């Protein structure tokens, strides 16, 4: 595929503080309870978000458990932010079906 011209436009810089606020709002909309840096579903921690420099360090539980094993990811742009949120939504749906 040939290189496409960028027409002199660059994507806006990633605003990690704004993105973490957006993610927190989205997680509360999913009916997750915010506890410190984490979010819980029925008293079990399922996600954690922390600012690290210009990125967000996100952890997602592999299974719904009192002491979960974590999948860790660095969110550095809007595409990674959407991907992480979509993956968390899929896990929440799976956990709802399993119980």
PDB file of N, CA and C in Angstrom:
ATOM      1  N   UNK A   1       0.850  -1.164   0.000  1.00  0.00           N
ATOM      2  CA  UNK A   1       0.000   0.000   0.000  1.00  0.00           C
ATOM      3  C   UNK A   1       0.900   1.233   0.000  1.00  0.00           C
ATOM      4  N   UNK A   2       0.671   2.147  -0.908  1.00  0.00           N
ATOM      5  CA  UNK A   2       1.530   3.330  -0.964  1.00  0.00           C
ATOM      6  C   UNK A   2       1.297   4.224   0.245  1.00  0.00           C
ATOM      7  N   UNK A   3       2.321   5.007   0.561  1.00  0.00           N
ATOM      8  CA  UNK A   3       2.185   5.946   1.665  1.00  0.00           C
ATOM      9  C   UNK A   3       1.163   7.013   1.291  1.00  0.00           C
ATOM     10  N   UNK A   4       0.235   7.243   2.182  1.00  0.00           N
ATOM     11  CA  UNK A   4      -0.783   8.264   1.943  1.00  0.00           C
ATOM     12  C   UNK A   4      -0.273   9.605   2.439  1.00  0.00           C
ATOM     13  N   UNK A   5      -0.593  10.668   1.735  1.00  0.00           N
ATOM     14  CA  UNK A   5      -0.140  11.987   2.200  1.00  0.00           C
ATOM     15  C   UNK A   5      -0.849  12.366   3.494  1.00  0.00           C
ATOM     16  N   UNK A   6      -0.161  13.099   4.348  1.00  0.00           N
ATOM     17  CA  UNK A   6      -0.771  13.504   5.616  1.00  0.00           C
ATOM     18  C   UNK A   6      -1.366  14.904   5.540  1.00  0.00           C
ATOM     19  N   UNK A   7      -1.206  15.574   4.403  1.00  0.00           N
ATOM     20  CA  UNK A   7      -1.765  16.902   4.168  1.00  0.00           C
ATOM     21  C   UNK A   7      -1.345  17.908   5.229  1.00  0.00           C
ATOM     22  N   UNK A   8      -0.225  17.670   5.897  1.00  0.00           N
ATOM     23  CA  UNK A   8       0.281  18.612   6.886  1.00  0.00           C
ATOM     24  C   UNK A   8      -0.407  18.530   8.238  1.00  0.00           C
ATOM     25  N   UNK A   9      -1.291  17.561   8.426  1.00  0.00           N
ATOM     26  CA  UNK A   9      -2.001  17.425   9.700  1.00  0.00           C
ATOM     27  C   UNK A   9      -1.345  16.349  10.553  1.00  0.00           C
ATOM     28  N   UNK A  10      -1.245  16.620  11.814  1.00  0.00           N
ATOM     29  CA  UNK A  10      -0.745  15.630  12.765  1.00  0.00           C
ATOM     30  C   UNK A  10      -1.859  15.354  13.762  1.00  0.00           C
ATOM     31  N   UNK A  11      -1.959  14.136  14.238  1.00  0.00           N
ATOM     32  CA  UNK A  11      -2.984  13.876  15.239  1.00  0.00           C
ATOM     33  C   UNK A  11      -2.703  14.701  16.493  1.00  0.00           C
ATOM     34  N   UNK A  12      -3.751  15.075  17.213  1.00  0.00           N
ATOM     35  CA  UNK A  12      -3.520  15.852  18.433  1.00  0.00           C
ATOM     36  C   UNK A  12      -2.755  15.017  19.460  1.00  0.00           C
ATOM     37  N   UNK A  13      -1.974  15.658  20.302  1.00  0.00           N
ATOM     38  CA  UNK A  13      -1.238  14.898  21.324  1.00  0.00           C
ATOM     39  C   UNK A  13      -2.217  14.233  22.292  1.00  0.00           C
ATOM     40  N   UNK A  14      -1.818  13.085  22.808  1.00  0.00           N
ATOM     41  CA  UNK A  14      -2.665  12.325  23.729  1.00  0.00           C
ATOM     42  C   UNK A  14      -2.695  13.008  25.082  1.00  0.00           C
ATOM     43  N   UNK A  15      -3.888  13.336  25.551  1.00  0.00           N
ATOM     44  CA  UNK A  15      -4.092  13.958  26.857  1.00  0.00           C
ATOM     45  C   UNK A  15      -4.455  12.859  27.850  1.00  0.00           C
ATOM     46  N   UNK A  16      -3.456  12.328  28.540  1.00  0.00           N
ATOM     47  CA  UNK A  16      -3.680  11.190  29.440  1.00  0.00           C
ATOM     48  C   UNK A  16      -4.617  11.547  30.586  1.00  0.00           C
ATOM     49  N   UNK A  17      -4.504  12.756  31.140  1.00  0.00           N
ATOM     50  CA  UNK A  17      -5.379  13.153  32.251  1.00  0.00           C
ATOM     51  C   UNK A  17      -6.828  13.231  31.788  1.00  0.00           C
ATOM     52  N   UNK A  18      -7.057  13.786  30.616  1.00  0.00           N
ATOM     53  CA  UNK A  18      -8.419  13.847  30.077  1.00  0.00           C
ATOM     54  C   UNK A  18      -8.942  12.469  29.726  1.00  0.00           C
ATOM     55  N   UNK A  19      -8.057  11.624  29.206  1.00  0.00           N
ATOM     56  CA  UNK A  19      -8.458  10.273  28.834  1.00  0.00           C
ATOM     57  C   UNK A  19      -8.815   9.440  30.053  1.00  0.00           C
ATOM     58  N   UNK A  20      -8.069   9.599  31.143  1.00  0.00           N
ATOM     59  CA  UNK A  20      -8.382   8.817  32.346  1.00  0.00           C
ATOM     60  C   UNK A  20      -9.718   9.275  32.934  1.00  0.00           C
ATOM     61  N   UNK A  21     -10.021  10.564  32.846  1.00  0.00           N
ATOM     62  CA  UNK A  21     -11.318  11.059  33.311  1.00  0.00           C
ATOM     63  C   UNK A  21     -12.439  10.473  32.450  1.00  0.00           C
ATOM     64  N   UNK A  22     -12.219  10.399  31.146  1.00  0.00           N
ATOM     65  CA  UNK A  22     -13.212   9.810  30.240  1.00  0.00           C
ATOM     66  C   UNK A  22     -13.412   8.330  30.547  1.00  0.00           C
ATOM     67  N   UNK A  23     -12.316   7.593  30.760  1.00  0.00           N
ATOM     68  CA  UNK A  23     -12.418   6.170  31.074  1.00  0.00           C
ATOM     69  C   UNK A  23     -13.145   5.939  32.396  1.00  0.00           C
ATOM     70  N   UNK A  24     -12.849   6.747  33.396  1.00  0.00           N
ATOM     71  CA  UNK A  24     -13.525   6.597  34.691  1.00  0.00           C
ATOM     72  C   UNK A  24     -15.032   6.811  34.538  1.00  0.00           C
ATOM     73  N   UNK A  25     -15.408   7.807  33.764  1.00  0.00           N
ATOM     74  CA  UNK A  25     -16.832   8.080  33.525  1.00  0.00           C
ATOM     75  C   UNK A  25     -17.476   6.896  32.794  1.00  0.00           C
ATOM     76  N   UNK A  26     -16.785   6.358  31.795  1.00  0.00           N
ATOM     77  CA  UNK A  26     -17.313   5.217  31.046  1.00  0.00           C
ATOM     78  C   UNK A  26     -17.461   3.986  31.943  1.00  0.00           C
ATOM     79  N   UNK A  27     -16.507   3.764  32.846  1.00  0.00           N
ATOM     80  CA  UNK A  27     -16.591   2.614  33.743  1.00  0.00           C
ATOM     81  C   UNK A  27     -17.725   2.778  34.756  1.00  0.00           C
ATOM     82  N   UNK A  28     -17.950   3.999  35.220  1.00  0.00           N
ATOM     83  CA  UNK A  28     -19.095   4.230  36.109  1.00  0.00           C
ATOM     84  C   UNK A  28     -20.406   4.015  35.353  1.00  0.00           C
ATOM     85  N   UNK A  29     -20.445   4.386  34.070  1.00  0.00           N
ATOM     86  CA  UNK A  29     -21.637   4.149  33.248  1.00  0.00           C
ATOM     87  C   UNK A  29     -21.911   2.659  33.080  1.00  0.00           C
ATOM     88  N   UNK A  30     -20.872   1.837  33.164  1.00  0.00           N
ATOM     89  CA  UNK A  30     -21.024   0.386  33.091  1.00  0.00           C
ATOM     90  C   UNK A  30     -21.429  -0.212  34.438  1.00  0.00           C
ATOM     91  N   UNK A  31     -21.750   0.646  35.382  1.00  0.00           N
ATOM     92  CA  UNK A  31     -22.192   0.270  36.741  1.00  0.00           C
ATOM     93  C   UNK A  31     -21.089  -0.395  37.564  1.00  0.00           C
ATOM     94  N   UNK A  32     -19.860   0.043  37.342  1.00  0.00           N
ATOM     95  CA  UNK A  32     -18.752  -0.413  38.171  1.00  0.00           C
ATOM     96  C   UNK A  32     -18.543   0.600  39.287  1.00  0.00           C
ATOM     97  N   UNK A  33     -18.258   0.116  40.469  1.00  0.00           N
ATOM     98  CA  UNK A  33     -18.041   0.987  41.627  1.00  0.00           C
ATOM     99  C   UNK A  33     -16.576   1.393  41.688  1.00  0.00           C
ATOM    100  N   UNK A  34     -16.334   2.688  41.828  1.00  0.00           N
ATOM    101  CA  UNK A  34     -14.962   3.194  41.899  1.00  0.00           C
ATOM    102  C   UNK A  34     -14.467   3.124  43.340  1.00  0.00           C
ATOM    103  N   UNK A  35     -13.323   2.486  43.545  1.00  0.00           N
ATOM    104  CA  UNK A  35     -12.683   2.378  44.851  1.00  0.00           C
ATOM    105  C   UNK A  35     -11.211   2.733  44.672  1.00  0.00           C
ATOM    106  N   UNK A  36     -10.826   3.937  45.032  1.00  0.00           N
ATOM    107  CA  UNK A  36      -9.441   4.373  44.866  1.00  0.00           C
ATOM    108  C   UNK A  36      -9.077   4.427  43.395  1.00  0.00           C
ATOM    109  N   UNK A  37      -8.041   3.687  43.001  1.00  0.00           N
ATOM    110  CA  UNK A  37      -7.623   3.668  41.599  1.00  0.00           C
ATOM    111  C   UNK A  37      -8.284   2.524  40.833  1.00  0.00           C
ATOM    112  N   UNK A  38      -9.153   1.760  41.497  1.00  0.00           N
ATOM    113  CA  UNK A  38      -9.754   0.595  40.863  1.00  0.00           C
ATOM    114  C   UNK A  38     -11.255   0.683  40.726  1.00  0.00           C
ATOM    115  N   UNK A  39     -11.797  -0.269  39.991  1.00  0.00           N
ATOM    116  CA  UNK A  39     -13.236  -0.369  39.776  1.00  0.00           C
ATOM    117  C   UNK A  39     -13.664  -1.788  40.074  1.00  0.00           C
ATOM    118  N   UNK A  40     -14.824  -1.914  40.735  1.00  0.00           N
ATOM    119  CA  UNK A  40     -15.285  -3.216  41.194  1.00  0.00           C
ATOM    120  C   UNK A  40     -16.657  -3.548  40.646  1.00  0.00           C
ATOM    121  N   UNK A  41     -16.879  -4.848  40.480  1.00  0.00           N
ATOM    122  CA  UNK A  41     -18.172  -5.392  40.097  1.00  0.00           C
ATOM    123  C   UNK A  41     -18.570  -6.371  41.190  1.00  0.00           C
ATOM    124  N   UNK A  42     -19.641  -6.071  41.873  1.00  0.00           N
ATOM    125  CA  UNK A  42     -20.123  -6.901  42.992  1.00  0.00           C
ATOM    126  C   UNK A  42     -19.025  -7.194  44.008  1.00  0.00           C
ATOM    127  N   UNK A  43     -18.247  -6.178  44.350  1.00  0.00           N
ATOM    128  CA  UNK A  43     -17.214  -6.297  45.370  1.00  0.00           C
ATOM    129  C   UNK A  43     -15.916  -6.934  44.919  1.00  0.00           C
ATOM    130  N   UNK A  44     -15.806  -7.243  43.637  1.00  0.00           N
ATOM    131  CA  UNK A  44     -14.592  -7.865  43.106  1.00  0.00           C
ATOM    132  C   UNK A  44     -13.929  -6.899  42.139  1.00  0.00           C
ATOM    133  N   UNK A  45     -12.650  -6.652  42.366  1.00  0.00           N
ATOM    134  CA  UNK A  45     -11.907  -5.700  41.535  1.00  0.00           C
ATOM    135  C   UNK A  45     -11.748  -6.246  40.126  1.00  0.00           C
ATOM    136  N   UNK A  46     -12.108  -5.403  39.120  1.00  0.00           N
ATOM    137  CA  UNK A  46     -12.025  -5.837  37.729  1.00  0.00           C
ATOM    138  C   UNK A  46     -11.106  -4.957  36.879  1.00  0.00           C
ATOM    139  N   UNK A  47     -10.823  -3.717  37.332  1.00  0.00           N
ATOM    140  CA  UNK A  47      -9.971  -2.827  36.541  1.00  0.00           C
ATOM    141  C   UNK A  47      -9.281  -1.826  37.448  1.00  0.00           C
ATOM    142  N   UNK A  48      -8.096  -1.389  37.024  1.00  0.00           N
ATOM    143  CA  UNK A  48      -7.355  -0.341  37.720  1.00  0.00           C
ATOM    144  C   UNK A  48      -6.740   0.579  36.681  1.00  0.00           C
ATOM    145  N   UNK A  49      -6.745   1.874  36.974  1.00  0.00           N
ATOM    146  CA  UNK A  49      -6.176   2.886  36.076  1.00  0.00           C
ATOM    147  C   UNK A  49      -5.251   3.792  36.858  1.00  0.00           C
ATOM    148  N   UNK A  50      -4.069   4.090  36.299  1.00  0.00           N
ATOM    149  CA  UNK A  50      -3.133   5.020  36.917  1.00  0.00           C
ATOM    150  C   UNK A  50      -2.411   5.796  35.836  1.00  0.00           C
ATOM    151  N   UNK A  51      -2.168   7.080  36.105  1.00  0.00           N
ATOM    152  CA  UNK A  51      -1.372   7.897  35.199  1.00  0.00           C
ATOM    153  C   UNK A  51       0.100   7.558  35.386  1.00  0.00           C
ATOM    154  N   UNK A  52       0.800   7.367  34.292  1.00  0.00           N
ATOM    155  CA  UNK A  52       2.243   7.128  34.315  1.00  0.00           C
ATOM    156  C   UNK A  52       2.867   7.965  33.215  1.00  0.00           C
ATOM    157  N   UNK A  53       3.352   9.122  33.581  1.00  0.00           N
ATOM    158  CA  UNK A  53       3.933  10.015  32.578  1.00  0.00           C
ATOM    159  C   UNK A  53       2.858  10.508  31.634  1.00  0.00           C
ATOM    160  N   UNK A  54       3.054  10.312  30.351  1.00  0.00           N
ATOM    161  CA  UNK A  54       2.082  10.731  29.353  1.00  0.00           C
ATOM    162  C   UNK A  54       1.170   9.613  28.906  1.00  0.00           C
ATOM    163  N   UNK A  55       1.088   8.533  29.695  1.00  0.00           N
ATOM    164  CA  UNK A  55       0.268   7.376  29.327  1.00  0.00           C
ATOM    165  C   UNK A  55      -0.569   6.940  30.529  1.00  0.00           C
ATOM    166  N   UNK A  56      -1.412   5.958  30.289  1.00  0.00           N
ATOM    167  CA  UNK A  56      -2.242   5.385  31.349  1.00  0.00           C
ATOM    168  C   UNK A  56      -1.840   3.925  31.505  1.00  0.00           C
ATOM    169  N   UNK A  57      -1.536   3.523  32.724  1.00  0.00           N
ATOM    170  CA  UNK A  57      -1.272   2.119  33.029  1.00  0.00           C
ATOM    171  C   UNK A  57      -2.605   1.507  33.446  1.00  0.00           C
ATOM    172  N   UNK A  58      -3.098   0.572  32.635  1.00  0.00           N
ATOM    173  CA  UNK A  58      -4.396  -0.046  32.895  1.00  0.00           C
ATOM    174  C   UNK A  58      -4.215  -1.524  33.186  1.00  0.00           C
ATOM    175  N   UNK A  59      -4.957  -2.012  34.165  1.00  0.00           N
ATOM    176  CA  UNK A  59      -4.957  -3.434  34.489  1.00  0.00           C
ATOM    177  C   UNK A  59      -6.390  -3.930  34.398  1.00  0.00           C
ATOM    178  N   UNK A  60      -6.560  -5.122  33.813  1.00  0.00           N
ATOM    179  CA  UNK A  60      -7.870  -5.731  33.678  1.00  0.00           C
ATOM    180  C   UNK A  60      -7.806  -7.138  34.246  1.00  0.00           C
ATOM    181  N   UNK A  61      -8.803  -7.508  35.040  1.00  0.00           N
ATOM    182  CA  UNK A  61      -8.845  -8.849  35.615  1.00  0.00           C
ATOM    183  C   UNK A  61      -9.119  -9.877  34.526  1.00  0.00           C
ATOM    184  N   UNK A  62      -8.429 -11.004  34.600  1.00  0.00           N
ATOM    185  CA  UNK A  62      -8.674 -12.082  33.632  1.00  0.00           C
ATOM    186  C   UNK A  62      -9.983 -12.795  33.950  1.00  0.00           C
ATOM    187  N   UNK A  63     -10.240 -12.979  35.244  1.00  0.00           N
ATOM    188  CA  UNK A  63     -11.464 -13.633  35.711  1.00  0.00           C
ATOM    189  C   UNK A  63     -12.053 -12.802  36.842  1.00  0.00           C
ATOM    190  N   UNK A  64     -13.317 -12.950  37.065  1.00  0.00           N
ATOM    191  CA  UNK A  64     -13.978 -12.280  38.168  1.00  0.00           C
ATOM    192  C   UNK A  64     -13.657 -13.059  39.443  1.00  0.00           C
ATOM    193  N   UNK A  65     -12.775 -12.496  40.281  1.00  0.00           N
ATOM    194  CA  UNK A  65     -12.317 -13.188  41.483  1.00  0.00           C
ATOM    195  C   UNK A  65     -11.943 -12.161  42.549  1.00  0.00           C
ATOM    196  N   UNK A  66     -11.888 -12.605  43.809  1.00  0.00           N
ATOM    197  CA  UNK A  66     -11.502 -11.703  44.888  1.00  0.00           C
ATOM    198  C   UNK A  66     -10.047 -11.262  44.756  1.00  0.00           C
ATOM    199  N   UNK A  67      -9.168 -12.164  44.327  1.00  0.00           N
ATOM    200  CA  UNK A  67      -7.770 -11.818  44.068  1.00  0.00           C
ATOM    201  C   UNK A  67      -7.464 -12.182  42.619  1.00  0.00           C
ATOM    202  N   UNK A  68      -7.739 -11.257  41.697  1.00  0.00           N
ATOM    203  CA  UNK A  68      -7.613 -11.584  40.275  1.00  0.00           C
ATOM    204  C   UNK A  68      -6.170 -11.603  39.776  1.00  0.00           C
ATOM    205  N   UNK A  69      -5.982 -12.312  38.673  1.00  0.00           N
ATOM    206  CA  UNK A  69      -4.753 -12.208  37.901  1.00  0.00           C
ATOM    207  C   UNK A  69      -4.992 -11.074  36.909  1.00  0.00           C
ATOM    208  N   UNK A  70      -3.965 -10.297  36.635  1.00  0.00           N
ATOM    209  CA  UNK A  70      -4.138  -9.083  35.839  1.00  0.00           C
ATOM    210  C   UNK A  70      -3.505  -9.179  34.465  1.00  0.00           C
ATOM    211  N   UNK A  71      -4.197  -8.593  33.495  1.00  0.00           N
ATOM    212  CA  UNK A  71      -3.620  -8.286  32.188  1.00  0.00           C
ATOM    213  C   UNK A  71      -3.287  -6.805  32.233  1.00  0.00           C
ATOM    214  N   UNK A  72      -2.039  -6.469  31.912  1.00  0.00           N
ATOM    215  CA  UNK A  72      -1.591  -5.073  31.982  1.00  0.00           C
ATOM    216  C   UNK A  72      -1.381  -4.520  30.580  1.00  0.00           C
ATOM    217  N   UNK A  73      -1.706  -3.233  30.422  1.00  0.00           N
ATOM    218  CA  UNK A  73      -1.539  -2.573  29.134  1.00  0.00           C
ATOM    219  C   UNK A  73      -1.216  -1.097  29.366  1.00  0.00           C
ATOM    220  N   UNK A  74      -0.425  -0.532  28.468  1.00  0.00           N
ATOM    221  CA  UNK A  74      -0.135   0.901  28.476  1.00  0.00           C
ATOM    222  C   UNK A  74      -1.013   1.553  27.415  1.00  0.00           C
ATOM    223  N   UNK A  75      -1.778   2.541  27.799  1.00  0.00           N
ATOM    224  CA  UNK A  75      -2.632   3.276  26.862  1.00  0.00           C
ATOM    225  C   UNK A  75      -1.923   4.579  26.533  1.00  0.00           C
ATOM    226  N   UNK A  76      -1.539   4.727  25.252  1.00  0.00           N
ATOM    227  CA  UNK A  76      -0.762   5.893  24.828  1.00  0.00           C
ATOM    228  C   UNK A  76      -1.473   6.750  23.791  1.00  0.00           C
ATOM    229  N   UNK A  77      -2.635   6.287  23.289  1.00  0.00           N
ATOM    230  CA  UNK A  77      -3.375   7.079  22.306  1.00  0.00           C
ATOM    231  C   UNK A  77      -4.858   6.708  22.357  1.00  0.00           C
ATOM    232  N   UNK A  78      -5.657   7.440  21.605  1.00  0.00           N
ATOM    233  CA  UNK A  78      -7.109   7.251  21.644  1.00  0.00           C
ATOM    234  C   UNK A  78      -7.522   5.877  21.116  1.00  0.00           C
ATOM    235  N   UNK A  79      -6.806   5.348  20.134  1.00  0.00           N
ATOM    236  CA  UNK A  79      -7.144   4.032  19.591  1.00  0.00           C
ATOM    237  C   UNK A  79      -6.942   2.945  20.649  1.00  0.00           C
ATOM    238  N   UNK A  80      -5.839   3.011  21.379  1.00  0.00           N
ATOM    239  CA  UNK A  80      -5.590   2.036  22.441  1.00  0.00           C
ATOM    240  C   UNK A  80      -6.623   2.190  23.561  1.00  0.00           C
ATOM    241  N   UNK A  81      -7.056   3.416  23.815  1.00  0.00           N
ATOM    242  CA  UNK A  81      -8.073   3.672  24.836  1.00  0.00           C
ATOM    243  C   UNK A  81      -9.391   2.984  24.448  1.00  0.00           C
ATOM    244  N   UNK A  82      -9.825   3.151  23.206  1.00  0.00           N
ATOM    245  CA  UNK A  82     -11.064   2.513  22.744  1.00  0.00           C
ATOM    246  C   UNK A  82     -10.939   0.997  22.768  1.00  0.00           C
ATOM    247  N   UNK A  83      -9.783   0.480  22.351  1.00  0.00           N
ATOM    248  CA  UNK A  83      -9.562  -0.964  22.334  1.00  0.00           C
ATOM    249  C   UNK A  83      -9.645  -1.547  23.746  1.00  0.00           C
ATOM    250  N   UNK A  84      -9.020  -0.882  24.726  1.00  0.00           N
ATOM    251  CA  UNK A  84      -9.048  -1.373  26.106  1.00  0.00           C
ATOM    252  C   UNK A  84     -10.481  -1.369  26.652  1.00  0.00           C
ATOM    253  N   UNK A  85     -11.209  -0.299  26.398  1.00  0.00           N
ATOM    254  CA  UNK A  85     -12.578  -0.203  26.894  1.00  0.00           C
ATOM    255  C   UNK A  85     -13.468  -1.257  26.238  1.00  0.00           C
ATOM    256  N   UNK A  86     -13.300  -1.492  24.948  1.00  0.00           N
ATOM    257  CA  UNK A  86     -14.081  -2.533  24.266  1.00  0.00           C
ATOM    258  C   UNK A  86     -13.772  -3.908  24.829  1.00  0.00           C
ATOM    259  N   UNK A  87     -12.502  -4.184  25.102  1.00  0.00           N
ATOM    260  CA  UNK A  87     -12.122  -5.478  25.676  1.00  0.00           C
ATOM    261  C   UNK A  87     -12.732  -5.659  27.067  1.00  0.00           C
ATOM    262  N   UNK A  88     -12.732  -4.601  27.869  1.00  0.00           N
ATOM    263  CA  UNK A  88     -13.332  -4.694  29.196  1.00  0.00           C
ATOM    264  C   UNK A  88     -14.838  -4.948  29.099  1.00  0.00           C
ATOM    265  N   UNK A  89     -15.511  -4.300  28.171  1.00  0.00           N
ATOM    266  CA  UNK A  89     -16.950  -4.524  27.975  1.00  0.00           C
ATOM    267  C   UNK A  89     -17.222  -5.982  27.615  1.00  0.00           C
ATOM    268  N   UNK A  90     -16.395  -6.568  26.756  1.00  0.00           N
ATOM    269  CA  UNK A  90     -16.561  -7.971  26.385  1.00  0.00           C
ATOM    270  C   UNK A  90     -16.400  -8.883  27.586  1.00  0.00           C
ATOM    271  N   UNK A  91     -15.415  -8.580  28.432  1.00  0.00           N
ATOM    272  CA  UNK A  91     -15.203  -9.409  29.634  1.00  0.00           C
ATOM    273  C   UNK A  91     -16.377  -9.284  30.591  1.00  0.00           C
ATOM    274  N   UNK A  92     -16.892  -8.069  30.761  1.00  0.00           N
ATOM    275  CA  UNK A  92     -18.044  -7.882  31.645  1.00  0.00           C
ATOM    276  C   UNK A  92     -19.250  -8.674  31.149  1.00  0.00           C
ATOM    277  N   UNK A  93     -19.493  -8.653  29.844  1.00  0.00           N
ATOM    278  CA  UNK A  93     -20.595  -9.425  29.273  1.00  0.00           C
ATOM    279  C   UNK A  93     -20.393 -10.915  29.493  1.00  0.00           C
ATOM    280  N   UNK A  94     -19.157 -11.394  29.308  1.00  0.00           N
ATOM    281  CA  UNK A  94     -18.858 -12.803  29.522  1.00  0.00           C
ATOM    282  C   UNK A  94     -19.088 -13.204  30.970  1.00  0.00           C
ATOM    283  N   UNK A  95     -18.635 -12.357  31.892  1.00  0.00           N
ATOM    284  CA  UNK A  95     -18.812 -12.668  33.312  1.00  0.00           C
ATOM    285  C   UNK A  95     -20.293 -12.685  33.692  1.00  0.00           C
ATOM    286  N   UNK A  96     -21.091 -11.812  33.089  1.00  0.00           N
ATOM    287  CA  UNK A  96     -22.524 -11.801  33.370  1.00  0.00           C
ATOM    288  C   UNK A  96     -23.181 -13.091  32.880  1.00  0.00           C
ATOM    289  N   UNK A  97     -22.767 -13.571  31.708  1.00  0.00           N
ATOM    290  CA  UNK A  97     -23.322 -14.822  31.164  1.00  0.00           C
ATOM    291  C   UNK A  97     -22.929 -16.017  32.018  1.00  0.00           C
ATOM    292  N   UNK A  98     -21.699 -16.008  32.551  1.00  0.00           N
ATOM    293  CA  UNK A  98     -21.194 -17.143  33.316  1.00  0.00           C
ATOM    294  C   UNK A  98     -21.879 -17.272  34.676  1.00  0.00           C
ATOM    295  N   UNK A  99     -22.381 -16.181  35.213  1.00  0.00           N
ATOM    296  CA  UNK A  99     -22.981 -16.262  36.561  1.00  0.00           C
ATOM    297  C   UNK A  99     -24.467 -16.376  36.521  1.00  0.00           C
TER     298      UNK A  99
END
